[in-house]
PDB file of all heavy atoms in Angstrom:
ATOM      1  N   SER A   1     173.457  84.749 362.337  1.00  0.00           N
ATOM      2  CA  SER A   1     174.291  83.538 362.351  1.00  0.00           C
ATOM      3  C   SER A   1     173.874  82.581 363.429  1.00  0.00           C
ATOM      4  O   SER A   1     174.412  81.466 363.346  1.00  0.00           O
ATOM      5  CB  SER A   1     175.678  84.062 362.353  1.00  0.00           C
ATOM      6  OG  SER A   1     175.921  84.642 363.653  1.00  0.00           O
ATOM      7  N   ALA A   2     173.238  82.892 364.357  1.00  0.00           N
ATOM      8  CA  ALA A   2     172.754  82.000 365.480  1.00  0.00           C
ATOM      9  C   ALA A   2     171.880  80.973 364.729  1.00  0.00           C
ATOM     10  O   ALA A   2     171.147  81.192 363.877  1.00  0.00           O
ATOM     11  CB  ALA A   2     171.933  82.695 366.533  1.00  0.00           C
ATOM     12  N   PRO A   3     171.901  79.735 365.332  1.00  0.00           N
ATOM     13  CA  PRO A   3     171.077  78.669 364.653  1.00  0.00           C
ATOM     14  C   PRO A   3     169.537  78.864 364.831  1.00  0.00           C
ATOM     15  O   PRO A   3     168.814  78.318 364.107  1.00  0.00           O
ATOM     16  CB  PRO A   3     171.510  77.392 365.530  1.00  0.00           C
ATOM     17  CG  PRO A   3     172.176  77.832 366.740  1.00  0.00           C
ATOM     18  CD  PRO A   3     172.641  79.131 366.410  1.00  0.00           C
ATOM     19  N   TYR A   4     169.139  79.689 365.847  1.00  0.00           N
ATOM     20  CA  TYR A   4     167.708  79.898 366.025  1.00  0.00           C
ATOM     21  C   TYR A   4     167.532  81.462 366.129  1.00  0.00           C
ATOM     22  O   TYR A   4     167.863  82.105 367.065  1.00  0.00           O
ATOM     23  CB  TYR A   4     167.314  79.172 367.302  1.00  0.00           C
ATOM     24  CG  TYR A   4     165.831  79.452 367.469  1.00  0.00           C
ATOM     25  CD1 TYR A   4     164.810  78.707 366.732  1.00  0.00           C
ATOM     26  CD2 TYR A   4     165.327  80.401 368.447  1.00  0.00           C
ATOM     27  CE1 TYR A   4     163.559  78.899 366.846  1.00  0.00           C
ATOM     28  CE2 TYR A   4     163.940  80.592 368.512  1.00  0.00           C
ATOM     29  CZ  TYR A   4     163.102  79.804 367.745  1.00  0.00           C
ATOM     30  OH  TYR A   4     161.692  79.981 367.851  1.00  0.00           O
ATOM     31  N   SER A   5     167.044  82.052 365.040  1.00  0.00           N
ATOM     32  CA  SER A   5     166.960  83.561 365.032  1.00  0.00           C
ATOM     33  C   SER A   5     165.700  84.052 365.442  1.00  0.00           C
ATOM     34  O   SER A   5     164.748  83.236 365.555  1.00  0.00           O
ATOM     35  CB  SER A   5     167.229  83.857 363.508  1.00  0.00           C
ATOM     36  OG  SER A   5     166.161  83.570 362.679  1.00  0.00           O
ATOM     37  N   GLU A   6     165.573  85.320 365.619  1.00  0.00           N
ATOM     38  CA  GLU A   6     164.424  85.903 365.994  1.00  0.00           C
ATOM     39  C   GLU A   6     163.200  85.706 365.005  1.00  0.00           C
ATOM     40  O   GLU A   6     162.074  85.617 365.196  1.00  0.00           O
ATOM     41  CB  GLU A   6     164.496  87.453 366.181  1.00  0.00           C
ATOM     42  CG  GLU A   6     165.211  87.786 367.495  1.00  0.00           C
ATOM     43  CD  GLU A   6     165.350  89.361 367.613  1.00  0.00           C
ATOM     44  OE1 GLU A   6     164.322  89.985 367.266  1.00  0.00           O
ATOM     45  OE2 GLU A   6     166.319  89.683 368.186  1.00  0.00           O
ATOM     46  N   ARG A   7     163.657  85.612 363.701  1.00  0.00           N
ATOM     47  CA  ARG A   7     162.744  85.356 362.598  1.00  0.00           C
ATOM     48  C   ARG A   7     162.018  83.929 362.947  1.00  0.00           C
ATOM     49  O   ARG A   7     160.799  83.889 362.703  1.00  0.00           O
ATOM     50  CB  ARG A   7     163.514  85.329 361.279  1.00  0.00           C
ATOM     51  CG  ARG A   7     162.482  85.170 360.165  1.00  0.00           C
ATOM     52  CD  ARG A   7     163.222  85.302 358.830  1.00  0.00           C
ATOM     53  NE  ARG A   7     163.857  86.693 358.756  1.00  0.00           N
ATOM     54  CZ  ARG A   7     164.194  87.308 357.610  1.00  0.00           C
ATOM     55  NH1 ARG A   7     164.064  86.633 356.499  1.00  0.00           N
ATOM     56  NH2 ARG A   7     164.637  88.537 357.662  1.00  0.00           N
ATOM     57  N   TYR A   8     162.721  83.051 363.197  1.00  0.00           N
ATOM     58  CA  TYR A   8     162.026  81.697 363.479  1.00  0.00           C
ATOM     59  C   TYR A   8     161.169  81.811 364.689  1.00  0.00           C
ATOM     60  O   TYR A   8     160.175  81.039 364.791  1.00  0.00           O
ATOM     61  CB  TYR A   8     163.127  80.497 363.604  1.00  0.00           C
ATOM     62  CG  TYR A   8     163.680  80.145 362.189  1.00  0.00           C
ATOM     63  CD1 TYR A   8     164.994  79.752 362.140  1.00  0.00           C
ATOM     64  CD2 TYR A   8     162.844  79.845 361.209  1.00  0.00           C
ATOM     65  CE1 TYR A   8     165.510  79.318 360.907  1.00  0.00           C
ATOM     66  CE2 TYR A   8     163.302  79.511 359.963  1.00  0.00           C
ATOM     67  CZ  TYR A   8     164.655  79.194 359.858  1.00  0.00           C
ATOM     68  OH  TYR A   8     165.055  78.689 358.631  1.00  0.00           O
ATOM     69  N   ALA A   9     161.650  82.562 365.741  1.00  0.00           N
ATOM     70  CA  ALA A   9     160.658  82.625 366.915  1.00  0.00           C
ATOM     71  C   ALA A   9     159.447  83.260 366.550  1.00  0.00           C
ATOM     72  O   ALA A   9     158.369  82.809 367.071  1.00  0.00           O
ATOM     73  CB  ALA A   9     161.426  83.547 367.893  1.00  0.00           C
ATOM     74  N   ARG A  10     159.485  84.319 365.657  1.00  0.00           N
ATOM     75  CA  ARG A  10     158.274  84.886 365.129  1.00  0.00           C
ATOM     76  C   ARG A  10     157.359  83.961 364.299  1.00  0.00           C
ATOM     77  O   ARG A  10     156.106  83.983 364.585  1.00  0.00           O
ATOM     78  CB  ARG A  10     158.578  86.113 364.241  1.00  0.00           C
ATOM     79  CG  ARG A  10     157.522  86.830 363.639  1.00  0.00           C
ATOM     80  CD  ARG A  10     156.907  87.888 364.555  1.00  0.00           C
ATOM     81  NE  ARG A  10     155.777  88.453 363.860  1.00  0.00           N
ATOM     82  CZ  ARG A  10     155.394  89.585 364.082  1.00  0.00           C
ATOM     83  NH1 ARG A  10     156.111  90.436 364.883  1.00  0.00           N
ATOM     84  NH2 ARG A  10     154.283  90.052 363.373  1.00  0.00           N
ATOM     85  N   VAL A  11     158.007  83.059 363.569  1.00  0.00           N
ATOM     86  CA  VAL A  11     157.281  82.109 362.816  1.00  0.00           C
ATOM     87  C   VAL A  11     156.553  81.196 363.752  1.00  0.00           C
ATOM     88  O   VAL A  11     155.317  80.810 363.619  1.00  0.00           O
ATOM     89  CB  VAL A  11     158.235  81.418 361.827  1.00  0.00           C
ATOM     90  CG1 VAL A  11     157.427  80.086 361.263  1.00  0.00           C
ATOM     91  CG2 VAL A  11     158.628  82.234 360.710  1.00  0.00           C
ATOM     92  N   LEU A  12     157.189  80.685 364.862  1.00  0.00           N
ATOM     93  CA  LEU A  12     156.636  79.868 365.921  1.00  0.00           C
ATOM     94  C   LEU A  12     155.425  80.517 366.557  1.00  0.00           C
ATOM     95  O   LEU A  12     154.307  79.933 366.751  1.00  0.00           O
ATOM     96  CB  LEU A  12     157.554  79.352 366.859  1.00  0.00           C
ATOM     97  CG  LEU A  12     158.460  78.147 366.541  1.00  0.00           C
ATOM     98  CD1 LEU A  12     159.483  77.870 367.636  1.00  0.00           C
ATOM     99  CD2 LEU A  12     157.613  76.958 366.181  1.00  0.00           C
ATOM    100  N   GLN A  13     155.629  81.841 367.008  1.00  0.00           N
ATOM    101  CA  GLN A  13     154.594  82.535 367.609  1.00  0.00           C
ATOM    102  C   GLN A  13     153.353  82.693 366.723  1.00  0.00           C
ATOM    103  O   GLN A  13     152.164  82.545 367.142  1.00  0.00           O
ATOM    104  CB  GLN A  13     155.208  83.927 368.047  1.00  0.00           C
ATOM    105  CG  GLN A  13     156.155  83.796 369.246  1.00  0.00           C
ATOM    106  CD  GLN A  13     156.885  85.194 369.423  1.00  0.00           C
ATOM    107  OE1 GLN A  13     156.705  86.182 368.720  1.00  0.00           O
ATOM    108  NE2 GLN A  13     157.741  85.110 370.374  1.00  0.00           N
ATOM    109  N   ASP A  14     153.607  83.218 365.459  1.00  0.00           N
ATOM    110  CA  ASP A  14     152.458  83.546 364.628  1.00  0.00           C
ATOM    111  C   ASP A  14     151.829  82.345 363.900  1.00  0.00           C
ATOM    112  O   ASP A  14     150.753  82.391 363.682  1.00  0.00           O
ATOM    113  CB  ASP A  14     152.934  84.428 363.507  1.00  0.00           C
ATOM    114  CG  ASP A  14     153.437  85.785 363.981  1.00  0.00           C
ATOM    115  OD1 ASP A  14     153.052  86.152 365.139  1.00  0.00           O
ATOM    116  OD2 ASP A  14     154.060  86.543 363.274  1.00  0.00           O
ATOM    117  N   GLY A  15     152.766  81.126 363.734  1.00  0.00           N
ATOM    118  CA  GLY A  15     152.063  80.054 362.979  1.00  0.00           C
ATOM    119  C   GLY A  15     151.494  78.935 363.759  1.00  0.00           C
ATOM    120  O   GLY A  15     150.638  78.218 363.279  1.00  0.00           O
ATOM    121  N   MET A  16     151.948  78.633 365.018  1.00  0.00           N
ATOM    122  CA  MET A  16     151.649  77.531 365.731  1.00  0.00           C
ATOM    123  C   MET A  16     150.307  77.737 366.442  1.00  0.00           C
ATOM    124  O   MET A  16     150.127  78.772 367.059  1.00  0.00           O
ATOM    125  CB  MET A  16     152.751  77.163 366.743  1.00  0.00           C
ATOM    126  CG  MET A  16     152.647  75.736 367.130  1.00  0.00           C
ATOM    127  SD  MET A  16     154.059  75.068 367.909  1.00  0.00           S
ATOM    128  CE  MET A  16     153.748  75.534 369.545  1.00  0.00           C
ATOM    129  N   VAL A  17     149.349  76.815 366.193  1.00  0.00           N
ATOM    130  CA  VAL A  17     148.075  76.856 366.929  1.00  0.00           C
ATOM    131  C   VAL A  17     147.953  75.981 368.027  1.00  0.00           C
ATOM    132  O   VAL A  17     147.472  76.395 369.214  1.00  0.00           O
ATOM    133  CB  VAL A  17     146.922  76.558 365.962  1.00  0.00           C
ATOM    134  CG1 VAL A  17     145.513  76.516 366.497  1.00  0.00           C
ATOM    135  CG2 VAL A  17     147.009  77.589 364.782  1.00  0.00           C
ATOM    136  N   SER A  18     148.372  74.703 368.025  1.00  0.00           N
ATOM    137  CA  SER A  18     148.324  73.623 369.141  1.00  0.00           C
ATOM    138  C   SER A  18     149.303  72.701 368.964  1.00  0.00           C
ATOM    139  O   SER A  18     149.938  72.493 367.785  1.00  0.00           O
ATOM    140  CB  SER A  18     146.913  73.137 369.037  1.00  0.00           C
ATOM    141  OG  SER A  18     146.690  72.335 368.036  1.00  0.00           O
ATOM    142  N   MET A  19     149.542  71.831 370.034  1.00  0.00           N
ATOM    143  CA  MET A  19     150.606  70.866 369.893  1.00  0.00           C
ATOM    144  C   MET A  19     150.026  69.771 370.760  1.00  0.00           C
ATOM    145  O   MET A  19     149.591  69.900 371.908  1.00  0.00           O
ATOM    146  CB  MET A  19     151.957  71.465 370.415  1.00  0.00           C
ATOM    147  CG  MET A  19     153.088  70.452 370.362  1.00  0.00           C
ATOM    148  SD  MET A  19     154.657  71.174 370.668  1.00  0.00           S
ATOM    149  CE  MET A  19     154.379  72.510 371.879  1.00  0.00           C
ATOM    150  N   THR A  20     150.116  68.478 370.342  1.00  0.00           N
ATOM    151  CA  THR A  20     149.586  67.367 370.970  1.00  0.00           C
ATOM    152  C   THR A  20     150.549  66.140 370.842  1.00  0.00           C
ATOM    153  O   THR A  20     151.154  65.882 369.851  1.00  0.00           O
ATOM    154  CB  THR A  20     148.189  66.943 370.448  1.00  0.00           C
ATOM    155  OG1 THR A  20     147.371  68.012 370.032  1.00  0.00           O
ATOM    156  CG2 THR A  20     147.540  65.993 371.360  1.00  0.00           C
ATOM    157  N   GLN A  21     150.537  65.277 371.908  1.00  0.00           N
ATOM    158  CA  GLN A  21     151.398  64.060 371.819  1.00  0.00           C
ATOM    159  C   GLN A  21     150.436  62.945 371.273  1.00  0.00           C
ATOM    160  O   GLN A  21     149.208  62.827 371.596  1.00  0.00           O
ATOM    161  CB  GLN A  21     151.862  63.678 373.227  1.00  0.00           C
ATOM    162  CG  GLN A  21     152.698  62.364 373.126  1.00  0.00           C
ATOM    163  CD  GLN A  21     153.333  62.086 374.508  1.00  0.00           C
ATOM    164  OE1 GLN A  21     153.185  62.759 375.481  1.00  0.00           O
ATOM    165  NE2 GLN A  21     153.917  60.929 374.529  1.00  0.00           N
ATOM    166  N   ALA A  22     151.032  62.108 370.295  1.00  0.00           N
ATOM    167  CA  ALA A  22     150.297  60.881 369.877  1.00  0.00           C
ATOM    168  C   ALA A  22     151.392  59.842 370.017  1.00  0.00           C
ATOM    169  O   ALA A  22     152.216  59.695 368.954  1.00  0.00           O
ATOM    170  CB  ALA A  22     149.771  61.126 368.509  1.00  0.00           C
ATOM    171  N   ASP A  23     151.476  59.139 371.004  1.00  0.00           N
ATOM    172  CA  ASP A  23     152.588  58.114 371.207  1.00  0.00           C
ATOM    173  C   ASP A  23     153.996  58.859 371.094  1.00  0.00           C
ATOM    174  O   ASP A  23     154.293  59.685 371.815  1.00  0.00           O
ATOM    175  CB  ASP A  23     152.390  56.960 370.214  1.00  0.00           C
ATOM    176  CG  ASP A  23     153.342  55.713 370.684  1.00  0.00           C
ATOM    177  OD1 ASP A  23     153.533  55.588 371.874  1.00  0.00           O
ATOM    178  OD2 ASP A  23     153.727  55.031 369.841  1.00  0.00           O
ATOM    179  N   ASN A  24     154.809  58.454 370.101  1.00  0.00           N
ATOM    180  CA  ASN A  24     156.047  59.094 370.027  1.00  0.00           C
ATOM    181  C   ASN A  24     156.032  60.321 369.042  1.00  0.00           C
ATOM    182  O   ASN A  24     157.107  60.644 368.628  1.00  0.00           O
ATOM    183  CB  ASN A  24     157.161  58.106 369.681  1.00  0.00           C
ATOM    184  CG  ASN A  24     157.123  57.617 368.228  1.00  0.00           C
ATOM    185  OD1 ASN A  24     155.985  57.323 367.781  1.00  0.00           O
ATOM    186  ND2 ASN A  24     158.178  57.580 367.554  1.00  0.00           N
ATOM    187  N   LEU A  25     154.898  60.746 368.678  1.00  0.00           N
ATOM    188  CA  LEU A  25     154.810  61.754 367.722  1.00  0.00           C
ATOM    189  C   LEU A  25     154.353  63.128 368.409  1.00  0.00           C
ATOM    190  O   LEU A  25     153.571  63.054 369.318  1.00  0.00           O
ATOM    191  CB  LEU A  25     153.726  61.484 366.569  1.00  0.00           C
ATOM    192  CG  LEU A  25     153.984  60.248 365.722  1.00  0.00           C
ATOM    193  CD1 LEU A  25     152.905  59.990 364.864  1.00  0.00           C
ATOM    194  CD2 LEU A  25     155.352  60.439 364.943  1.00  0.00           C
ATOM    195  N   VAL A  26     154.880  64.217 367.905  1.00  0.00           N
ATOM    196  CA  VAL A  26     154.337  65.462 368.360  1.00  0.00           C
ATOM    197  C   VAL A  26     153.661  65.976 367.221  1.00  0.00           C
ATOM    198  O   VAL A  26     154.074  66.240 366.097  1.00  0.00           O
ATOM    199  CB  VAL A  26     155.357  66.461 368.688  1.00  0.00           C
ATOM    200  CG1 VAL A  26     154.820  67.882 369.046  1.00  0.00           C
ATOM    201  CG2 VAL A  26     156.238  66.009 369.844  1.00  0.00           C
ATOM    202  N   VAL A  27     152.264  66.210 367.159  1.00  0.00           N
ATOM    203  CA  VAL A  27     151.420  66.697 366.123  1.00  0.00           C
ATOM    204  C   VAL A  27     151.060  68.135 366.419  1.00  0.00           C
ATOM    205  O   VAL A  27     150.609  68.506 367.549  1.00  0.00           O
ATOM    206  CB  VAL A  27     150.166  65.783 366.045  1.00  0.00           C
ATOM    207  CG1 VAL A  27     149.282  66.392 364.936  1.00  0.00           C
ATOM    208  CG2 VAL A  27     150.359  64.311 365.885  1.00  0.00           C
ATOM    209  N   ILE A  28     151.498  68.958 365.459  1.00  0.00           N
ATOM    210  CA  ILE A  28     151.402  70.330 365.662  1.00  0.00           C
ATOM    211  C   ILE A  28     150.433  70.916 364.539  1.00  0.00           C
ATOM    212  O   ILE A  28     150.689  70.694 363.361  1.00  0.00           O
ATOM    213  CB  ILE A  28     152.800  71.068 365.585  1.00  0.00           C
ATOM    214  CG1 ILE A  28     153.774  70.478 366.494  1.00  0.00           C
ATOM    215  CG2 ILE A  28     152.786  72.580 365.574  1.00  0.00           C
ATOM    216  CD1 ILE A  28     155.242  70.862 366.373  1.00  0.00           C
ATOM    217  N   LYS A  29     149.444  71.655 365.012  1.00  0.00           N
ATOM    218  CA  LYS A  29     148.511  72.384 364.084  1.00  0.00           C
ATOM    219  C   LYS A  29     149.011  73.750 363.918  1.00  0.00           C
ATOM    220  O   LYS A  29     149.423  74.440 364.879  1.00  0.00           O
ATOM    221  CB  LYS A  29     147.153  72.317 364.671  1.00  0.00           C
ATOM    222  CG  LYS A  29     146.575  70.911 364.858  1.00  0.00           C
ATOM    223  CD  LYS A  29     146.364  70.133 363.437  1.00  0.00           C
ATOM    224  CE  LYS A  29     145.251  70.649 362.690  1.00  0.00           C
ATOM    225  NZ  LYS A  29     145.012  69.864 361.477  1.00  0.00           N
ATOM    226  N   THR A  30     148.999  74.270 362.662  1.00  0.00           N
ATOM    227  CA  THR A  30     149.441  75.559 362.382  1.00  0.00           C
ATOM    228  C   THR A  30     148.343  76.336 361.634  1.00  0.00           C
ATOM    229  O   THR A  30     147.317  75.775 361.300  1.00  0.00           O
ATOM    230  CB  THR A  30     150.648  75.509 361.521  1.00  0.00           C
ATOM    231  OG1 THR A  30     150.228  75.051 360.182  1.00  0.00           O
ATOM    232  CG2 THR A  30     151.721  74.624 362.029  1.00  0.00           C
ATOM    233  N   VAL A  31     148.502  77.665 361.396  1.00  0.00           N
ATOM    234  CA  VAL A  31     147.686  78.497 360.577  1.00  0.00           C
ATOM    235  C   VAL A  31     147.834  77.816 359.280  1.00  0.00           C
ATOM    236  O   VAL A  31     148.851  77.350 358.814  1.00  0.00           O
ATOM    237  CB  VAL A  31     148.226  79.937 360.668  1.00  0.00           C
ATOM    238  CG1 VAL A  31     147.404  80.798 359.658  1.00  0.00           C
ATOM    239  CG2 VAL A  31     148.087  80.445 362.080  1.00  0.00           C
ATOM    240  N   SER A  32     146.739  77.830 358.500  1.00  0.00           N
ATOM    241  CA  SER A  32     146.757  77.265 357.106  1.00  0.00           C
ATOM    242  C   SER A  32     147.815  77.765 356.374  1.00  0.00           C
ATOM    243  O   SER A  32     148.006  79.067 356.251  1.00  0.00           O
ATOM    244  CB  SER A  32     145.371  77.584 356.497  1.00  0.00           C
ATOM    245  OG  SER A  32     145.352  76.880 355.166  1.00  0.00           O
ATOM    246  N   GLY A  33     148.721  76.985 355.772  1.00  0.00           N
ATOM    247  CA  GLY A  33     149.773  77.375 354.924  1.00  0.00           C
ATOM    248  C   GLY A  33     151.107  77.597 355.551  1.00  0.00           C
ATOM    249  O   GLY A  33     152.078  77.929 354.994  1.00  0.00           O
ATOM    250  N   MET A  34     151.090  77.479 356.865  1.00  0.00           N
ATOM    251  CA  MET A  34     152.254  77.825 357.582  1.00  0.00           C
ATOM    252  C   MET A  34     153.081  76.557 358.109  1.00  0.00           C
ATOM    253  O   MET A  34     154.122  76.688 358.863  1.00  0.00           O
ATOM    254  CB  MET A  34     151.881  78.773 358.732  1.00  0.00           C
ATOM    255  CG  MET A  34     151.482  80.230 358.374  1.00  0.00           C
ATOM    256  SD  MET A  34     152.734  80.991 357.721  1.00  0.00           S
ATOM    257  CE  MET A  34     153.863  81.427 359.152  1.00  0.00           C
ATOM    258  N   ALA A  35     152.567  75.376 357.914  1.00  0.00           N
ATOM    259  CA  ALA A  35     153.262  74.157 358.507  1.00  0.00           C
ATOM    260  C   ALA A  35     154.744  74.092 357.881  1.00  0.00           C
ATOM    261  O   ALA A  35     155.598  73.819 358.878  1.00  0.00           O
ATOM    262  CB  ALA A  35     152.458  72.893 358.015  1.00  0.00           C
ATOM    263  N   MET A  36     155.014  74.402 356.666  1.00  0.00           N
ATOM    264  CA  MET A  36     156.438  74.112 356.333  1.00  0.00           C
ATOM    265  C   MET A  36     157.387  75.191 356.866  1.00  0.00           C
ATOM    266  O   MET A  36     158.419  74.808 357.405  1.00  0.00           O
ATOM    267  CB  MET A  36     156.526  74.196 354.904  1.00  0.00           C
ATOM    268  CG  MET A  36     155.908  73.078 354.064  1.00  0.00           C
ATOM    269  SD  MET A  36     155.821  73.138 352.325  1.00  0.00           S
ATOM    270  CE  MET A  36     157.485  73.473 351.899  1.00  0.00           C
ATOM    271  N   ALA A  37     156.858  76.385 357.125  1.00  0.00           N
ATOM    272  CA  ALA A  37     157.648  77.434 357.755  1.00  0.00           C
ATOM    273  C   ALA A  37     157.801  77.089 359.294  1.00  0.00           C
ATOM    274  O   ALA A  37     159.044  77.299 359.845  1.00  0.00           O
ATOM    275  CB  ALA A  37     156.937  78.827 357.578  1.00  0.00           C
ATOM    276  N   VAL A  38     156.798  76.658 359.993  1.00  0.00           N
ATOM    277  CA  VAL A  38     156.886  76.228 361.351  1.00  0.00           C
ATOM    278  C   VAL A  38     157.812  75.020 361.466  1.00  0.00           C
ATOM    279  O   VAL A  38     158.594  74.964 362.514  1.00  0.00           O
ATOM    280  CB  VAL A  38     155.591  76.053 362.018  1.00  0.00           C
ATOM    281  CG1 VAL A  38     155.719  75.533 363.465  1.00  0.00           C
ATOM    282  CG2 VAL A  38     154.726  77.273 362.071  1.00  0.00           C
TER     283      VAL A  38
END
């Protein structure tokens, strides 16, 4: 019931590859097919 569950933490750990700033954007690269889940 917490807004941020362990399941989402696992998705971030497993799915996120890199994160970069582009002006006011955060561009996040993920494992192929995982962007929507991340």
